[in-house]
Amino acid sequence: MKSFPHLLNTARAKMQTSGVALVLVLSSLVMVSLLVLVFLSTARTEQQSSAAFADSTQVRNLAEVPINLAVGQLRKATEQLGGQRTWLPSRG
């Protein structure tokens, strides 16, 4: 029986190449998975940041309501007096 060493070398080379390809594909899959996880984490952080900003804006607007109401009452009362007298609210 004849031995064919060149065929054995070719088979080994193909197996080694297949192993390298598997490692490359798996490492690429890991990298893509990490990128997706980082993207999702960033998206969640941005959503939380936006929600916090919206809440703070709403609180600021609600805090300004009494001041705006008082300014509006002063303007309305001053206009009703024709600008000749100063209107002072009653104490209470």
C-alpha atoms as a PDB file:
ATOM      1  CA  MET A   1       0.000   0.000   0.000  1.00  0.00           C
ATOM      2  CA  LYS A   2       1.303   3.333  -1.047  1.00  0.00           C
ATOM      3  CA  SER A   3       1.273   6.302   1.225  1.00  0.00           C
ATOM      4  CA  PHE A   4       0.411   9.725  -0.070  1.00  0.00           C
ATOM      5  CA  PRO A   5       2.141  12.254   2.219  1.00  0.00           C
ATOM      6  CA  HIS A   6       1.221  15.219   0.057  1.00  0.00           C
ATOM      7  CA  LEU A   7      -2.495  14.368   0.539  1.00  0.00           C
ATOM      8  CA  LEU A   8      -2.045  14.183   4.301  1.00  0.00           C
ATOM      9  CA  ASN A   9      -0.338  17.583   4.338  1.00  0.00           C
ATOM     10  CA  THR A  10      -3.150  19.072   2.262  1.00  0.00           C
ATOM     11  CA  ALA A  11      -5.789  17.650   4.616  1.00  0.00           C
ATOM     12  CA  ARG A  12      -3.955  19.033   7.654  1.00  0.00           C
ATOM     13  CA  ALA A  13      -3.659  22.455   6.018  1.00  0.00           C
ATOM     14  CA  LYS A  14      -7.409  22.488   5.318  1.00  0.00           C
ATOM     15  CA  MET A  15      -8.186  21.531   8.923  1.00  0.00           C
ATOM     16  CA  GLN A  16      -5.933  24.257  10.273  1.00  0.00           C
ATOM     17  CA  THR A  17      -7.493  26.798   7.918  1.00  0.00           C
ATOM     18  CA  SER A  18     -10.966  25.700   9.016  1.00  0.00           C
ATOM     19  CA  GLY A  19      -9.963  26.165  12.644  1.00  0.00           C
ATOM     20  CA  VAL A  20      -8.694  29.663  11.959  1.00  0.00           C
ATOM     21  CA  ALA A  21     -11.893  30.533  10.140  1.00  0.00           C
ATOM     22  CA  LEU A  22     -13.949  29.302  13.108  1.00  0.00           C
ATOM     23  CA  VAL A  23     -11.923  31.407  15.524  1.00  0.00           C
ATOM     24  CA  LEU A  24     -12.291  34.473  13.294  1.00  0.00           C
ATOM     25  CA  VAL A  25     -16.047  34.013  12.937  1.00  0.00           C
ATOM     26  CA  LEU A  26     -16.530  33.507  16.678  1.00  0.00           C
ATOM     27  CA  SER A  27     -14.398  36.534  17.561  1.00  0.00           C
ATOM     28  CA  SER A  28     -16.350  38.637  15.061  1.00  0.00           C
ATOM     29  CA  LEU A  29     -19.602  37.442  16.610  1.00  0.00           C
ATOM     30  CA  VAL A  30     -18.343  38.395  20.064  1.00  0.00           C
ATOM     31  CA  MET A  31     -17.331  41.853  18.838  1.00  0.00           C
ATOM     32  CA  VAL A  32     -20.708  42.491  17.221  1.00  0.00           C
ATOM     33  CA  SER A  33     -22.470  41.305  20.390  1.00  0.00           C
ATOM     34  CA  LEU A  34     -20.394  43.698  22.486  1.00  0.00           C
ATOM     35  CA  LEU A  35     -21.206  46.582  20.155  1.00  0.00           C
ATOM     36  CA  VAL A  36     -24.924  45.814  20.422  1.00  0.00           C
ATOM     37  CA  LEU A  37     -24.705  45.688  24.219  1.00  0.00           C
ATOM     38  CA  VAL A  38     -22.868  49.015  24.360  1.00  0.00           C
ATOM     39  CA  PHE A  39     -25.449  50.581  22.039  1.00  0.00           C
ATOM     40  CA  LEU A  40     -28.359  49.328  24.150  1.00  0.00           C
ATOM     41  CA  SER A  41     -26.686  50.525  27.333  1.00  0.00           C
ATOM     42  CA  THR A  42     -26.117  53.973  25.850  1.00  0.00           C
ATOM     43  CA  ALA A  43     -29.707  54.155  24.630  1.00  0.00           C
ATOM     44  CA  ARG A  44     -31.006  53.317  28.113  1.00  0.00           C
ATOM     45  CA  THR A  45     -28.764  55.938  29.720  1.00  0.00           C
ATOM     46  CA  GLU A  46     -29.949  58.574  27.239  1.00  0.00           C
ATOM     47  CA  GLN A  47     -33.593  57.671  27.901  1.00  0.00           C
ATOM     48  CA  GLN A  48     -33.087  58.021  31.660  1.00  0.00           C
ATOM     49  CA  SER A  49     -31.297  61.331  31.177  1.00  0.00           C
ATOM     50  CA  SER A  50     -34.102  62.667  28.984  1.00  0.00           C
ATOM     51  CA  ALA A  51     -36.739  61.607  31.508  1.00  0.00           C
ATOM     52  CA  ALA A  52     -34.847  63.345  34.330  1.00  0.00           C
ATOM     53  CA  PHE A  53     -34.534  66.522  32.251  1.00  0.00           C
ATOM     54  CA  ALA A  54     -38.255  66.485  31.427  1.00  0.00           C
ATOM     55  CA  ASP A  55     -39.112  66.066  35.110  1.00  0.00           C
ATOM     56  CA  SER A  56     -36.866  68.960  36.152  1.00  0.00           C
ATOM     57  CA  THR A  57     -38.363  71.190  33.454  1.00  0.00           C
ATOM     58  CA  GLN A  58     -41.877  70.381  34.626  1.00  0.00           C
ATOM     59  CA  VAL A  59     -40.949  71.135  38.252  1.00  0.00           C
ATOM     60  CA  ARG A  60     -39.396  74.465  37.234  1.00  0.00           C
ATOM     61  CA  ASN A  61     -42.500  75.436  35.264  1.00  0.00           C
ATOM     62  CA  LEU A  62     -44.785  74.517  38.160  1.00  0.00           C
ATOM     63  CA  ALA A  63     -42.637  76.556  40.537  1.00  0.00           C
ATOM     64  CA  GLU A  64     -43.042  79.637  38.327  1.00  0.00           C
ATOM     65  CA  VAL A  65     -46.864  79.437  38.222  1.00  0.00           C
ATOM     66  CA  PRO A  66     -47.532  81.413  41.457  1.00  0.00           C
ATOM     67  CA  ILE A  67     -45.093  84.151  40.429  1.00  0.00           C
ATOM     68  CA  ASN A  68     -46.663  84.476  36.990  1.00  0.00           C
ATOM     69  CA  LEU A  69     -50.128  84.540  38.554  1.00  0.00           C
ATOM     70  CA  ALA A  70     -49.144  87.381  40.887  1.00  0.00           C
ATOM     71  CA  VAL A  71     -47.537  89.378  38.061  1.00  0.00           C
ATOM     72  CA  GLY A  72     -50.655  88.900  35.949  1.00  0.00           C
ATOM     73  CA  GLN A  73     -52.912  90.112  38.750  1.00  0.00           C
ATOM     74  CA  LEU A  74     -50.744  93.205  39.285  1.00  0.00           C
ATOM     75  CA  ARG A  75     -50.783  94.064  35.587  1.00  0.00           C
ATOM     76  CA  LYS A  76     -54.516  93.575  35.285  1.00  0.00           C
ATOM     77  CA  ALA A  77     -55.250  95.725  38.361  1.00  0.00           C
ATOM     78  CA  THR A  78     -52.867  98.466  37.219  1.00  0.00           C
ATOM     79  CA  GLU A  79     -54.506  98.575  33.769  1.00  0.00           C
ATOM     80  CA  GLN A  80     -57.974  98.820  35.327  1.00  0.00           C
ATOM     81  CA  LEU A  81     -56.882 101.866  37.305  1.00  0.00           C
ATOM     82  CA  GLY A  82     -55.794 103.574  34.114  1.00  0.00           C
ATOM     83  CA  GLY A  83     -52.178 103.805  35.206  1.00  0.00           C
ATOM     84  CA  GLN A  84     -52.962 106.836  37.409  1.00  0.00           C
ATOM     85  CA  ARG A  85     -52.746 105.015  40.709  1.00  0.00           C
ATOM     86  CA  THR A  86     -50.689 102.183  42.065  1.00  0.00           C
ATOM     87  CA  TRP A  87     -52.551  99.102  43.099  1.00  0.00           C
ATOM     88  CA  LEU A  88     -51.428  97.321  46.261  1.00  0.00           C
ATOM     89  CA  PRO A  89     -52.837  93.946  47.176  1.00  0.00           C
ATOM     90  CA  SER A  90     -54.433  93.572  50.555  1.00  0.00           C
ATOM     91  CA  ARG A  91     -52.408  91.901  53.245  1.00  0.00           C
ATOM     92  CA  GLY A  92     -53.560  88.560  54.355  1.00  0.00           C
END
